[in-house]
Amino acid sequence: MRDDSADYRELFLRDVPMMDVRAPVEFGKGAFPHTVNLPLMDDLERQKVGTCYKQHGQQAAIALGHRLVSGDLKEQRIAAWTEFARRHPEGYLYCFRGGLRSQLVQEWLKNEAGIAYPRVIGGYKALRNFLLETLEQAVEQCAFVLVGGLTGCGKTDVVLQLANGLDLEGHANHRGSSFGKRATAQPAQIDFENQLAVDILKKRAAGIEQFVLEDEGRSIGSCSVPWELFQGMRGYPLVWLEDGFEERVERILRDYVIGLYGEFIAEHGPEQGFARFGERLQQSLANIVKRLGGERYQRLAELMQQALDEQQRSGAVELHRGWIEGLLAEYYDPMYAFQLESKAERIEFRGTQAEVLEYLRDRTRR
C-alpha cells in the first residue's frame, strides 16, 4: 500500500484524483478540483450520528454509524469506493480532518474489497488551509498588475493570452458585469477560492512570480475576490486597454448575445434554451433599472425585446446592437469615466490589445 500523504502541494500540482467521503452537504459547501464525493454517510445519517455524539459520546455515535451503514447499503458504498480506487490507483481519500471516517473507509476497502487505499493526512481541513496559505503567500510575495478598460474592450481576452494571467472571471464562471451571469451555475465561494489558489500554485511552480489580473470589483457575481487580494488590487499598477466603440459593441454582441445564447442552447435545447436566454437578458437589464432610471430602462428594454423577437423569428442578431450601444454610451462609459478619476495615477501604460500584450510580456521579463 502507498503511504498516507501530507504532501498537499504535490497532490494539487499533479491533479491527483481524490475521493471525498464527507456528507454531500459538506461537499456542496466547498471541495477541490479533481475530487468526487462518495460519502460514508448521507446528510441524514451524518445528522443522526452527530446528535448521538453530542448526547451520548463517541462510542455510541460510532456504534450508531455502523448500524445505519450496514447490509446492502454498506455493500453499495464499498462498491462505489472500489470502482473509484480501481479507476484511480494513484488517488487518495479524505474526510474532514483525516480521522474516523476516512480510516473507516480505508478499513472497509481493505477488509471487504482487498484494496489498500491511502488517505490524506489532516483531510479536507488541512488541504483547505494549505490553499488559503498559498493565496496569502502569493499576495505577500508576488507582484501584480491589473488590466483595466471600458466595458467590452477585451480585458479578459488579454488575460487569457498571457502565461501569467489569472482569470478570476473564469474561475467564478461569471463575466463580472451586471450581464455577466452564465448559463451554468457559479461555483461555491470556497470552490472559487480553491481553484484560484491551485492556479496560482501551478504558475508559481513554473517560475511565475508576477501576475496579471483583470481590474474587478470585490464581487464577481456571487463569488467574492479573496479579501487580501482585493485589498491589494486597490493599489496595484494599472494597464489601460483601449478599443473603439464599434469594436466594443461587436465584442459584447459576440460574448453576451451569441455566446450566451449558445450556452443556453447547449444546456437546455433550442426551444427552452432561447426562452431562458431571453429571460436572462431581460432580467440582467431589470437588475440595473434603478441606476438607469425609468425612462432609459423602458427605451432599452423595448430595443432588447425587438432584438429578441427578430432573433427568434429569423436567427438574426443585428438588432441587439441597439440596446448594447445605448447601454455603453449612456450607462457603462460614464460610470467608468467617473471611476477612472480615482485610478488615473496608477495607470502606467495605455494602448491597444496588441500594444498592451507586448507591454505586459515585456514587463514580465524585466
Protein backbone atom coordinates (compact mmCIF):
# COMPACT_ATOMS: atom_id res chain seq x y z
CA MET A 1 0.00 0.00 0.00
CA ARG A 2 1.19 3.55 -0.74
CA ASP A 3 1.65 5.64 2.37
CA ASP A 4 -0.91 8.15 3.56
CA SER A 5 0.14 11.61 2.39
CA ALA A 6 0.53 15.08 3.84
CA ASP A 7 2.23 16.42 0.70
CA TYR A 8 -0.62 18.74 -0.22
CA ARG A 9 1.47 20.70 -2.70
CA GLU A 10 2.22 17.62 -4.77
CA LEU A 11 -1.39 16.43 -4.66
CA PHE A 12 -2.59 19.70 -6.20
CA LEU A 13 0.30 20.14 -8.64
CA ARG A 14 -0.27 16.67 -10.10
CA ASP A 15 -4.11 16.93 -10.14
CA VAL A 16 -4.27 13.72 -8.13
CA PRO A 17 -7.84 12.30 -8.09
CA MET A 18 -9.29 12.34 -4.59
CA MET A 19 -12.31 10.64 -3.07
CA ASP A 20 -14.16 12.90 -0.61
CA VAL A 21 -16.05 10.72 1.87
CA ARG A 22 -17.73 13.63 3.69
CA ALA A 23 -21.50 14.02 3.53
CA PRO A 24 -22.98 15.72 0.43
CA VAL A 25 -23.89 18.88 2.38
CA GLU A 26 -20.24 19.29 3.40
CA PHE A 27 -19.03 18.69 -0.15
CA GLY A 28 -21.51 21.22 -1.53
CA LYS A 29 -20.11 23.97 0.67
CA GLY A 30 -16.63 23.51 -0.75
CA ALA A 31 -14.33 20.92 -2.28
CA PHE A 32 -11.30 20.72 -4.57
CA PRO A 33 -10.64 20.22 -8.29
CA HIS A 34 -10.42 16.56 -9.32
CA THR A 35 -12.43 15.31 -6.32
CA VAL A 36 -15.51 13.09 -6.31
CA ASN A 37 -17.99 12.90 -3.44
CA LEU A 38 -18.53 9.28 -2.38
CA PRO A 39 -19.76 9.69 1.19
CA LEU A 40 -19.54 7.27 4.05
CA MET A 41 -22.83 8.70 5.34
CA ASP A 42 -25.50 10.76 3.65
CA ASP A 43 -26.70 14.03 5.18
CA LEU A 44 -29.44 12.49 7.36
CA GLU A 45 -27.20 9.70 8.62
CA ARG A 46 -24.48 12.21 9.48
CA GLN A 47 -27.01 14.37 11.34
CA LYS A 48 -28.20 11.41 13.43
CA VAL A 49 -24.64 10.37 14.30
CA GLY A 50 -23.74 13.95 15.21
CA THR A 51 -26.72 14.24 17.53
CA CYS A 52 -25.84 10.91 19.14
CA TYR A 53 -22.25 12.06 19.64
CA LYS A 54 -23.39 15.20 21.49
CA GLN A 55 -25.84 13.30 23.68
CA HIS A 56 -24.08 10.00 24.33
CA GLY A 57 -20.42 10.33 23.32
CA GLN A 58 -18.07 8.96 20.67
CA GLN A 59 -18.51 5.22 21.17
CA ALA A 60 -22.29 5.42 20.97
CA ALA A 61 -22.02 7.56 17.83
CA ILE A 62 -19.64 5.08 16.16
CA ALA A 63 -21.97 2.20 17.01
CA LEU A 64 -24.93 4.08 15.53
CA GLY A 65 -22.94 4.82 12.37
CA HIS A 66 -22.23 1.11 11.92
CA ARG A 67 -25.93 0.30 12.33
CA LEU A 68 -27.02 2.99 9.86
CA VAL A 69 -24.49 1.99 7.21
CA SER A 70 -24.81 -1.78 7.08
CA GLY A 71 -26.09 -4.60 4.90
CA ASP A 72 -26.91 -3.71 1.29
CA LEU A 73 -26.24 -0.02 1.88
CA LYS A 74 -22.74 -0.74 3.12
CA GLU A 75 -22.11 -3.02 0.13
CA GLN A 76 -23.28 -0.31 -2.30
CA ARG A 77 -20.93 2.26 -0.82
CA ILE A 78 -17.98 -0.09 -0.75
CA ALA A 79 -18.70 -0.92 -4.40
CA ALA A 80 -18.59 2.80 -5.31
CA TRP A 81 -15.29 3.29 -3.44
CA THR A 82 -13.87 0.17 -5.05
CA GLU A 83 -14.73 1.42 -8.54
CA PHE A 84 -13.06 4.77 -7.82
CA ALA A 85 -9.95 3.10 -6.38
CA ARG A 86 -9.59 0.81 -9.40
CA ARG A 87 -10.12 3.67 -11.87
CA HIS A 88 -7.68 5.88 -9.94
CA PRO A 89 -4.94 3.70 -8.44
CA GLU A 90 -2.84 6.85 -7.94
CA GLY A 91 -5.57 8.57 -5.92
CA TYR A 92 -6.29 9.26 -2.26
CA LEU A 93 -9.31 9.56 0.00
CA TYR A 94 -10.10 12.09 2.70
CA CYS A 95 -12.75 13.14 5.20
CA PHE A 96 -12.99 16.41 7.14
CA ARG A 97 -9.97 16.06 9.41
CA GLY A 98 -8.48 12.80 8.17
CA GLY A 99 -9.90 10.96 11.16
CA LEU A 100 -12.56 8.38 11.85
CA ARG A 101 -14.49 8.49 8.60
CA SER A 102 -11.53 8.16 6.26
CA GLN A 103 -9.96 5.50 8.49
CA LEU A 104 -13.19 3.51 8.46
CA VAL A 105 -13.46 3.74 4.66
CA GLN A 106 -9.83 2.56 4.42
CA GLU A 107 -10.62 -0.35 6.74
CA TRP A 108 -13.73 -1.42 4.84
CA LEU A 109 -11.97 -1.18 1.49
CA LYS A 110 -9.12 -3.32 2.82
CA ASN A 111 -11.24 -5.94 4.58
CA GLU A 112 -14.19 -6.15 2.18
CA ALA A 113 -12.58 -5.47 -1.22
CA GLY A 114 -8.92 -6.27 -0.62
CA ILE A 115 -7.85 -2.75 -1.66
CA ALA A 116 -5.27 -0.82 0.35
CA TYR A 117 -6.03 2.82 -0.46
CA PRO A 118 -4.20 5.77 1.11
CA ARG A 119 -5.76 8.80 2.75
CA VAL A 120 -4.82 12.44 3.03
CA ILE A 121 -3.46 13.16 6.49
CA GLY A 122 -5.40 16.03 8.03
CA GLY A 123 -8.19 15.65 5.46
CA TYR A 124 -10.20 18.47 3.94
CA LYS A 125 -9.29 20.95 6.65
CA ALA A 126 -5.53 20.57 6.06
CA LEU A 127 -5.93 20.77 2.27
CA ARG A 128 -8.09 23.89 2.58
CA ASN A 129 -5.66 25.58 4.97
CA PHE A 130 -2.80 24.83 2.57
CA LEU A 131 -4.65 26.58 -0.27
CA LEU A 132 -5.54 29.57 1.90
CA GLU A 133 -1.86 29.89 2.80
CA THR A 134 -0.99 29.62 -0.91
CA LEU A 135 -3.22 32.62 -1.66
CA GLU A 136 -1.88 34.65 1.27
CA GLN A 137 1.76 33.93 0.38
CA ALA A 138 1.19 34.93 -3.26
CA VAL A 139 -0.27 38.29 -2.21
CA GLU A 140 2.68 38.87 0.12
CA GLN A 141 5.47 37.62 -2.14
CA CYS A 142 4.41 38.22 -5.76
CA ALA A 143 3.92 41.26 -7.99
CA PHE A 144 0.54 42.01 -9.57
CA VAL A 145 -0.63 44.31 -12.36
CA LEU A 146 -4.23 44.99 -13.39
CA VAL A 147 -5.73 45.30 -16.85
CA GLY A 148 -8.43 47.97 -16.93
CA GLY A 149 -10.56 49.48 -19.65
CA LEU A 150 -14.09 50.30 -20.71
CA THR A 151 -16.76 47.61 -20.89
CA GLY A 152 -16.26 45.35 -23.90
CA CYS A 153 -12.65 46.33 -24.64
CA GLY A 154 -11.41 42.75 -24.29
CA LYS A 155 -9.72 42.70 -20.88
CA THR A 156 -10.44 39.00 -20.38
CA ASP A 157 -9.06 38.25 -23.86
CA VAL A 158 -5.76 39.85 -22.81
CA VAL A 159 -5.55 37.92 -19.54
CA LEU A 160 -6.23 34.62 -21.32
CA GLN A 161 -3.39 35.20 -23.78
CA LEU A 162 -0.78 35.66 -21.03
CA ALA A 163 1.04 32.77 -19.37
CA ASN A 164 0.95 34.73 -16.11
CA GLY A 165 -2.71 35.73 -16.39
CA LEU A 166 -5.12 34.82 -13.58
CA ASP A 167 -8.64 34.55 -14.98
CA LEU A 168 -10.80 35.50 -11.99
CA GLU A 169 -13.95 35.55 -14.12
CA GLY A 170 -13.19 32.11 -15.50
CA HIS A 171 -12.79 30.66 -12.02
CA ALA A 172 -16.00 32.40 -10.93
CA ASN A 173 -17.88 31.29 -14.09
CA HIS A 174 -19.18 34.84 -14.48
CA ARG A 175 -18.24 37.73 -16.77
CA GLY A 176 -18.16 40.24 -13.96
CA SER A 177 -20.76 42.79 -15.06
CA SER A 178 -24.50 43.10 -14.43
CA PHE A 179 -24.91 40.98 -17.58
CA GLY A 180 -22.16 38.54 -16.65
CA LYS A 181 -24.18 35.56 -15.42
CA ARG A 182 -23.57 32.41 -17.49
CA ALA A 183 -25.99 29.63 -18.44
CA THR A 184 -24.38 27.31 -15.88
CA ALA A 185 -24.16 27.93 -12.14
CA GLN A 186 -21.30 29.64 -10.36
CA PRO A 187 -19.12 27.62 -8.02
CA ALA A 188 -19.44 27.87 -4.25
CA GLN A 189 -17.25 30.60 -2.77
CA ILE A 190 -14.82 28.06 -1.32
CA ASP A 191 -14.57 26.25 -4.66
CA PHE A 192 -13.79 29.56 -6.38
CA GLU A 193 -11.02 30.30 -3.88
CA ASN A 194 -9.63 26.78 -4.16
CA GLN A 195 -9.50 26.87 -7.98
CA LEU A 196 -7.75 30.23 -7.89
CA ALA A 197 -5.22 29.01 -5.31
CA VAL A 198 -4.40 25.89 -7.36
CA ASP A 199 -3.95 28.07 -10.47
CA ILE A 200 -1.51 30.30 -8.56
CA LEU A 201 0.28 27.27 -7.09
CA LYS A 202 0.87 25.75 -10.54
CA LYS A 203 2.04 29.03 -12.06
CA ARG A 204 4.45 29.69 -9.20
CA ALA A 205 5.78 26.14 -9.54
CA ALA A 206 6.50 27.03 -13.19
CA GLY A 207 8.56 30.04 -12.04
CA ILE A 208 5.96 32.81 -12.41
CA GLU A 209 6.18 35.48 -9.72
CA GLN A 210 4.32 38.34 -11.45
CA PHE A 211 0.63 38.01 -12.24
CA VAL A 212 -1.81 39.88 -14.47
CA LEU A 213 -5.41 40.28 -13.30
CA GLU A 214 -8.45 41.97 -14.74
CA ASP A 215 -9.46 45.06 -12.77
CA GLU A 216 -12.51 43.78 -10.86
CA GLY A 217 -14.80 44.85 -8.07
CA ARG A 218 -14.98 42.77 -4.91
CA SER A 219 -17.86 40.67 -6.25
CA ILE A 220 -17.85 38.61 -9.44
CA GLY A 221 -21.48 37.58 -9.44
CA SER A 222 -21.97 35.56 -6.24
CA CYS A 223 -18.22 34.99 -5.78
CA SER A 224 -16.06 37.40 -3.82
CA VAL A 225 -12.41 38.08 -4.60
CA PRO A 226 -10.38 36.91 -1.56
CA TRP A 227 -10.04 39.86 0.81
CA GLU A 228 -6.22 40.05 0.87
CA LEU A 229 -6.07 40.01 -2.92
CA PHE A 230 -8.85 42.58 -3.28
CA GLN A 231 -7.12 44.90 -0.83
CA GLY A 232 -4.01 44.65 -2.98
CA MET A 233 -5.98 45.30 -6.16
CA ARG A 234 -6.98 48.72 -4.86
CA GLY A 235 -3.33 49.78 -5.15
CA TYR A 236 -1.76 47.61 -7.87
CA PRO A 237 -0.43 49.34 -11.01
CA LEU A 238 -2.88 49.52 -13.88
CA VAL A 239 -2.53 49.00 -17.63
CA TRP A 240 -5.38 50.59 -19.57
CA LEU A 241 -6.74 48.77 -22.62
CA GLU A 242 -8.22 50.97 -25.33
CA ASP A 243 -10.55 49.98 -28.17
CA GLY A 244 -13.06 51.68 -30.45
CA PHE A 245 -16.75 51.96 -29.64
CA GLU A 246 -17.88 49.78 -32.57
CA GLU A 247 -15.30 47.11 -31.76
CA ARG A 248 -16.55 47.01 -28.20
CA VAL A 249 -20.16 46.68 -29.34
CA GLU A 250 -19.18 43.74 -31.56
CA ARG A 251 -17.30 42.04 -28.72
CA ILE A 252 -20.27 42.38 -26.38
CA LEU A 253 -22.57 41.07 -29.12
CA ARG A 254 -20.23 38.08 -29.52
CA ASP A 255 -19.94 37.25 -25.82
CA TYR A 256 -23.17 38.39 -24.19
CA VAL A 257 -25.58 37.57 -27.00
CA ILE A 258 -24.20 34.98 -29.45
CA GLY A 259 -22.02 33.22 -26.88
CA LEU A 260 -24.61 33.25 -24.10
CA TYR A 261 -27.33 32.06 -26.47
CA GLY A 262 -25.07 29.14 -27.45
CA GLU A 263 -24.55 28.24 -23.80
CA PHE A 264 -28.30 28.14 -23.12
CA ILE A 265 -28.97 26.06 -26.23
CA ALA A 266 -26.27 23.58 -25.19
CA GLU A 267 -27.77 23.33 -21.70
CA HIS A 268 -31.50 23.30 -22.46
CA GLY A 269 -32.07 22.65 -26.17
CA PRO A 270 -33.31 25.11 -28.86
CA GLU A 271 -36.81 25.97 -27.64
CA GLN A 272 -36.34 26.14 -23.88
CA GLY A 273 -32.80 27.45 -24.34
CA PHE A 274 -33.94 30.51 -26.29
CA ALA A 275 -36.67 31.29 -23.76
CA ARG A 276 -34.20 31.12 -20.86
CA PHE A 277 -31.63 33.15 -22.78
CA GLY A 278 -34.19 35.90 -23.41
CA GLU A 279 -35.30 35.89 -19.78
CA ARG A 280 -31.69 36.17 -18.65
CA LEU A 281 -31.00 39.24 -20.82
CA GLN A 282 -34.22 40.93 -19.68
CA GLN A 283 -33.54 40.15 -16.02
CA SER A 284 -29.99 41.48 -16.30
CA LEU A 285 -31.34 44.78 -17.62
CA ALA A 286 -34.05 44.87 -14.95
CA ASN A 287 -31.39 44.41 -12.25
CA ILE A 288 -29.99 47.87 -13.01
CA VAL A 289 -33.31 49.68 -13.51
CA LYS A 290 -32.73 51.98 -10.52
CA ARG A 291 -29.35 53.06 -11.84
CA LEU A 292 -30.66 53.50 -15.38
CA GLY A 293 -33.80 55.44 -14.46
CA GLY A 294 -37.29 54.54 -15.59
CA GLU A 295 -37.36 56.27 -19.00
CA ARG A 296 -33.98 54.97 -20.11
CA TYR A 297 -34.79 51.47 -18.86
CA GLN A 298 -38.07 51.36 -20.80
CA ARG A 299 -36.37 52.51 -24.00
CA LEU A 300 -33.56 49.95 -23.75
CA ALA A 301 -35.99 47.20 -22.72
CA GLU A 302 -38.07 47.84 -25.85
CA LEU A 303 -34.96 47.66 -28.04
CA MET A 304 -33.98 44.41 -26.37
CA GLN A 305 -37.44 42.92 -26.86
CA GLN A 306 -37.42 43.85 -30.56
CA ALA A 307 -34.00 42.24 -30.93
CA LEU A 308 -35.15 39.04 -29.21
CA ASP A 309 -38.30 38.87 -31.33
CA GLU A 310 -36.25 39.21 -34.52
CA GLN A 311 -33.67 36.68 -33.33
CA GLN A 312 -36.40 34.16 -32.57
CA ARG A 313 -38.10 34.82 -35.91
CA SER A 314 -35.10 34.79 -38.24
CA GLY A 315 -32.00 33.97 -36.20
CA ALA A 316 -30.55 37.43 -36.92
CA VAL A 317 -28.79 39.16 -34.03
CA GLU A 318 -28.08 42.59 -35.59
CA LEU A 319 -30.86 44.40 -33.67
CA HIS A 320 -29.13 43.60 -30.39
CA ARG A 321 -26.60 46.29 -31.25
CA GLY A 322 -29.26 48.90 -30.47
CA TRP A 323 -29.57 48.23 -26.74
CA ILE A 324 -25.85 47.42 -26.45
CA GLU A 325 -24.90 50.79 -27.93
CA GLY A 326 -27.34 52.60 -25.66
CA LEU A 327 -26.15 50.78 -22.56
CA LEU A 328 -22.49 51.53 -23.32
CA ALA A 329 -22.92 55.19 -24.25
CA GLU A 330 -25.45 56.12 -21.58
CA TYR A 331 -24.55 53.91 -18.64
CA TYR A 332 -21.27 51.97 -18.64
CA ASP A 333 -18.95 54.53 -20.25
CA PRO A 334 -19.98 57.43 -17.97
CA MET A 335 -19.68 55.13 -14.96
CA TYR A 336 -16.16 54.03 -15.95
CA ALA A 337 -15.16 57.63 -16.67
CA PHE A 338 -16.16 58.54 -13.11
CA GLN A 339 -14.28 55.57 -11.61
CA LEU A 340 -11.21 56.30 -13.72
CA GLU A 341 -10.61 59.59 -11.94
CA SER A 342 -9.63 57.72 -8.78
CA LYS A 343 -7.40 55.29 -10.69
CA ALA A 344 -5.67 57.63 -13.13
CA GLU A 345 -2.46 58.00 -11.14
CA ARG A 346 -1.96 54.21 -11.11
CA ILE A 347 -2.08 53.86 -14.91
CA GLU A 348 1.42 53.10 -16.17
CA PHE A 349 0.56 52.27 -19.80
CA ARG A 350 -2.28 52.74 -22.30
CA GLY A 351 -2.67 51.00 -25.62
CA THR A 352 -4.50 48.68 -28.00
CA GLN A 353 -4.77 44.97 -27.30
CA ALA A 354 -1.61 44.20 -29.27
CA GLU A 355 0.30 47.01 -27.56
CA VAL A 356 -0.89 46.03 -24.10
CA LEU A 357 0.03 42.38 -24.67
CA GLU A 358 3.51 43.38 -25.83
CA TYR A 359 3.94 45.72 -22.86
CA LEU A 360 2.83 43.14 -20.30
CA ARG A 361 5.03 40.41 -21.75
CA ASP A 362 7.99 42.76 -21.73
CA ARG A 363 7.14 43.85 -18.18
CA THR A 364 7.28 40.23 -17.01
CA ARG A 365 10.79 39.80 -18.47
CA ARG A 366 12.23 42.79 -16.62
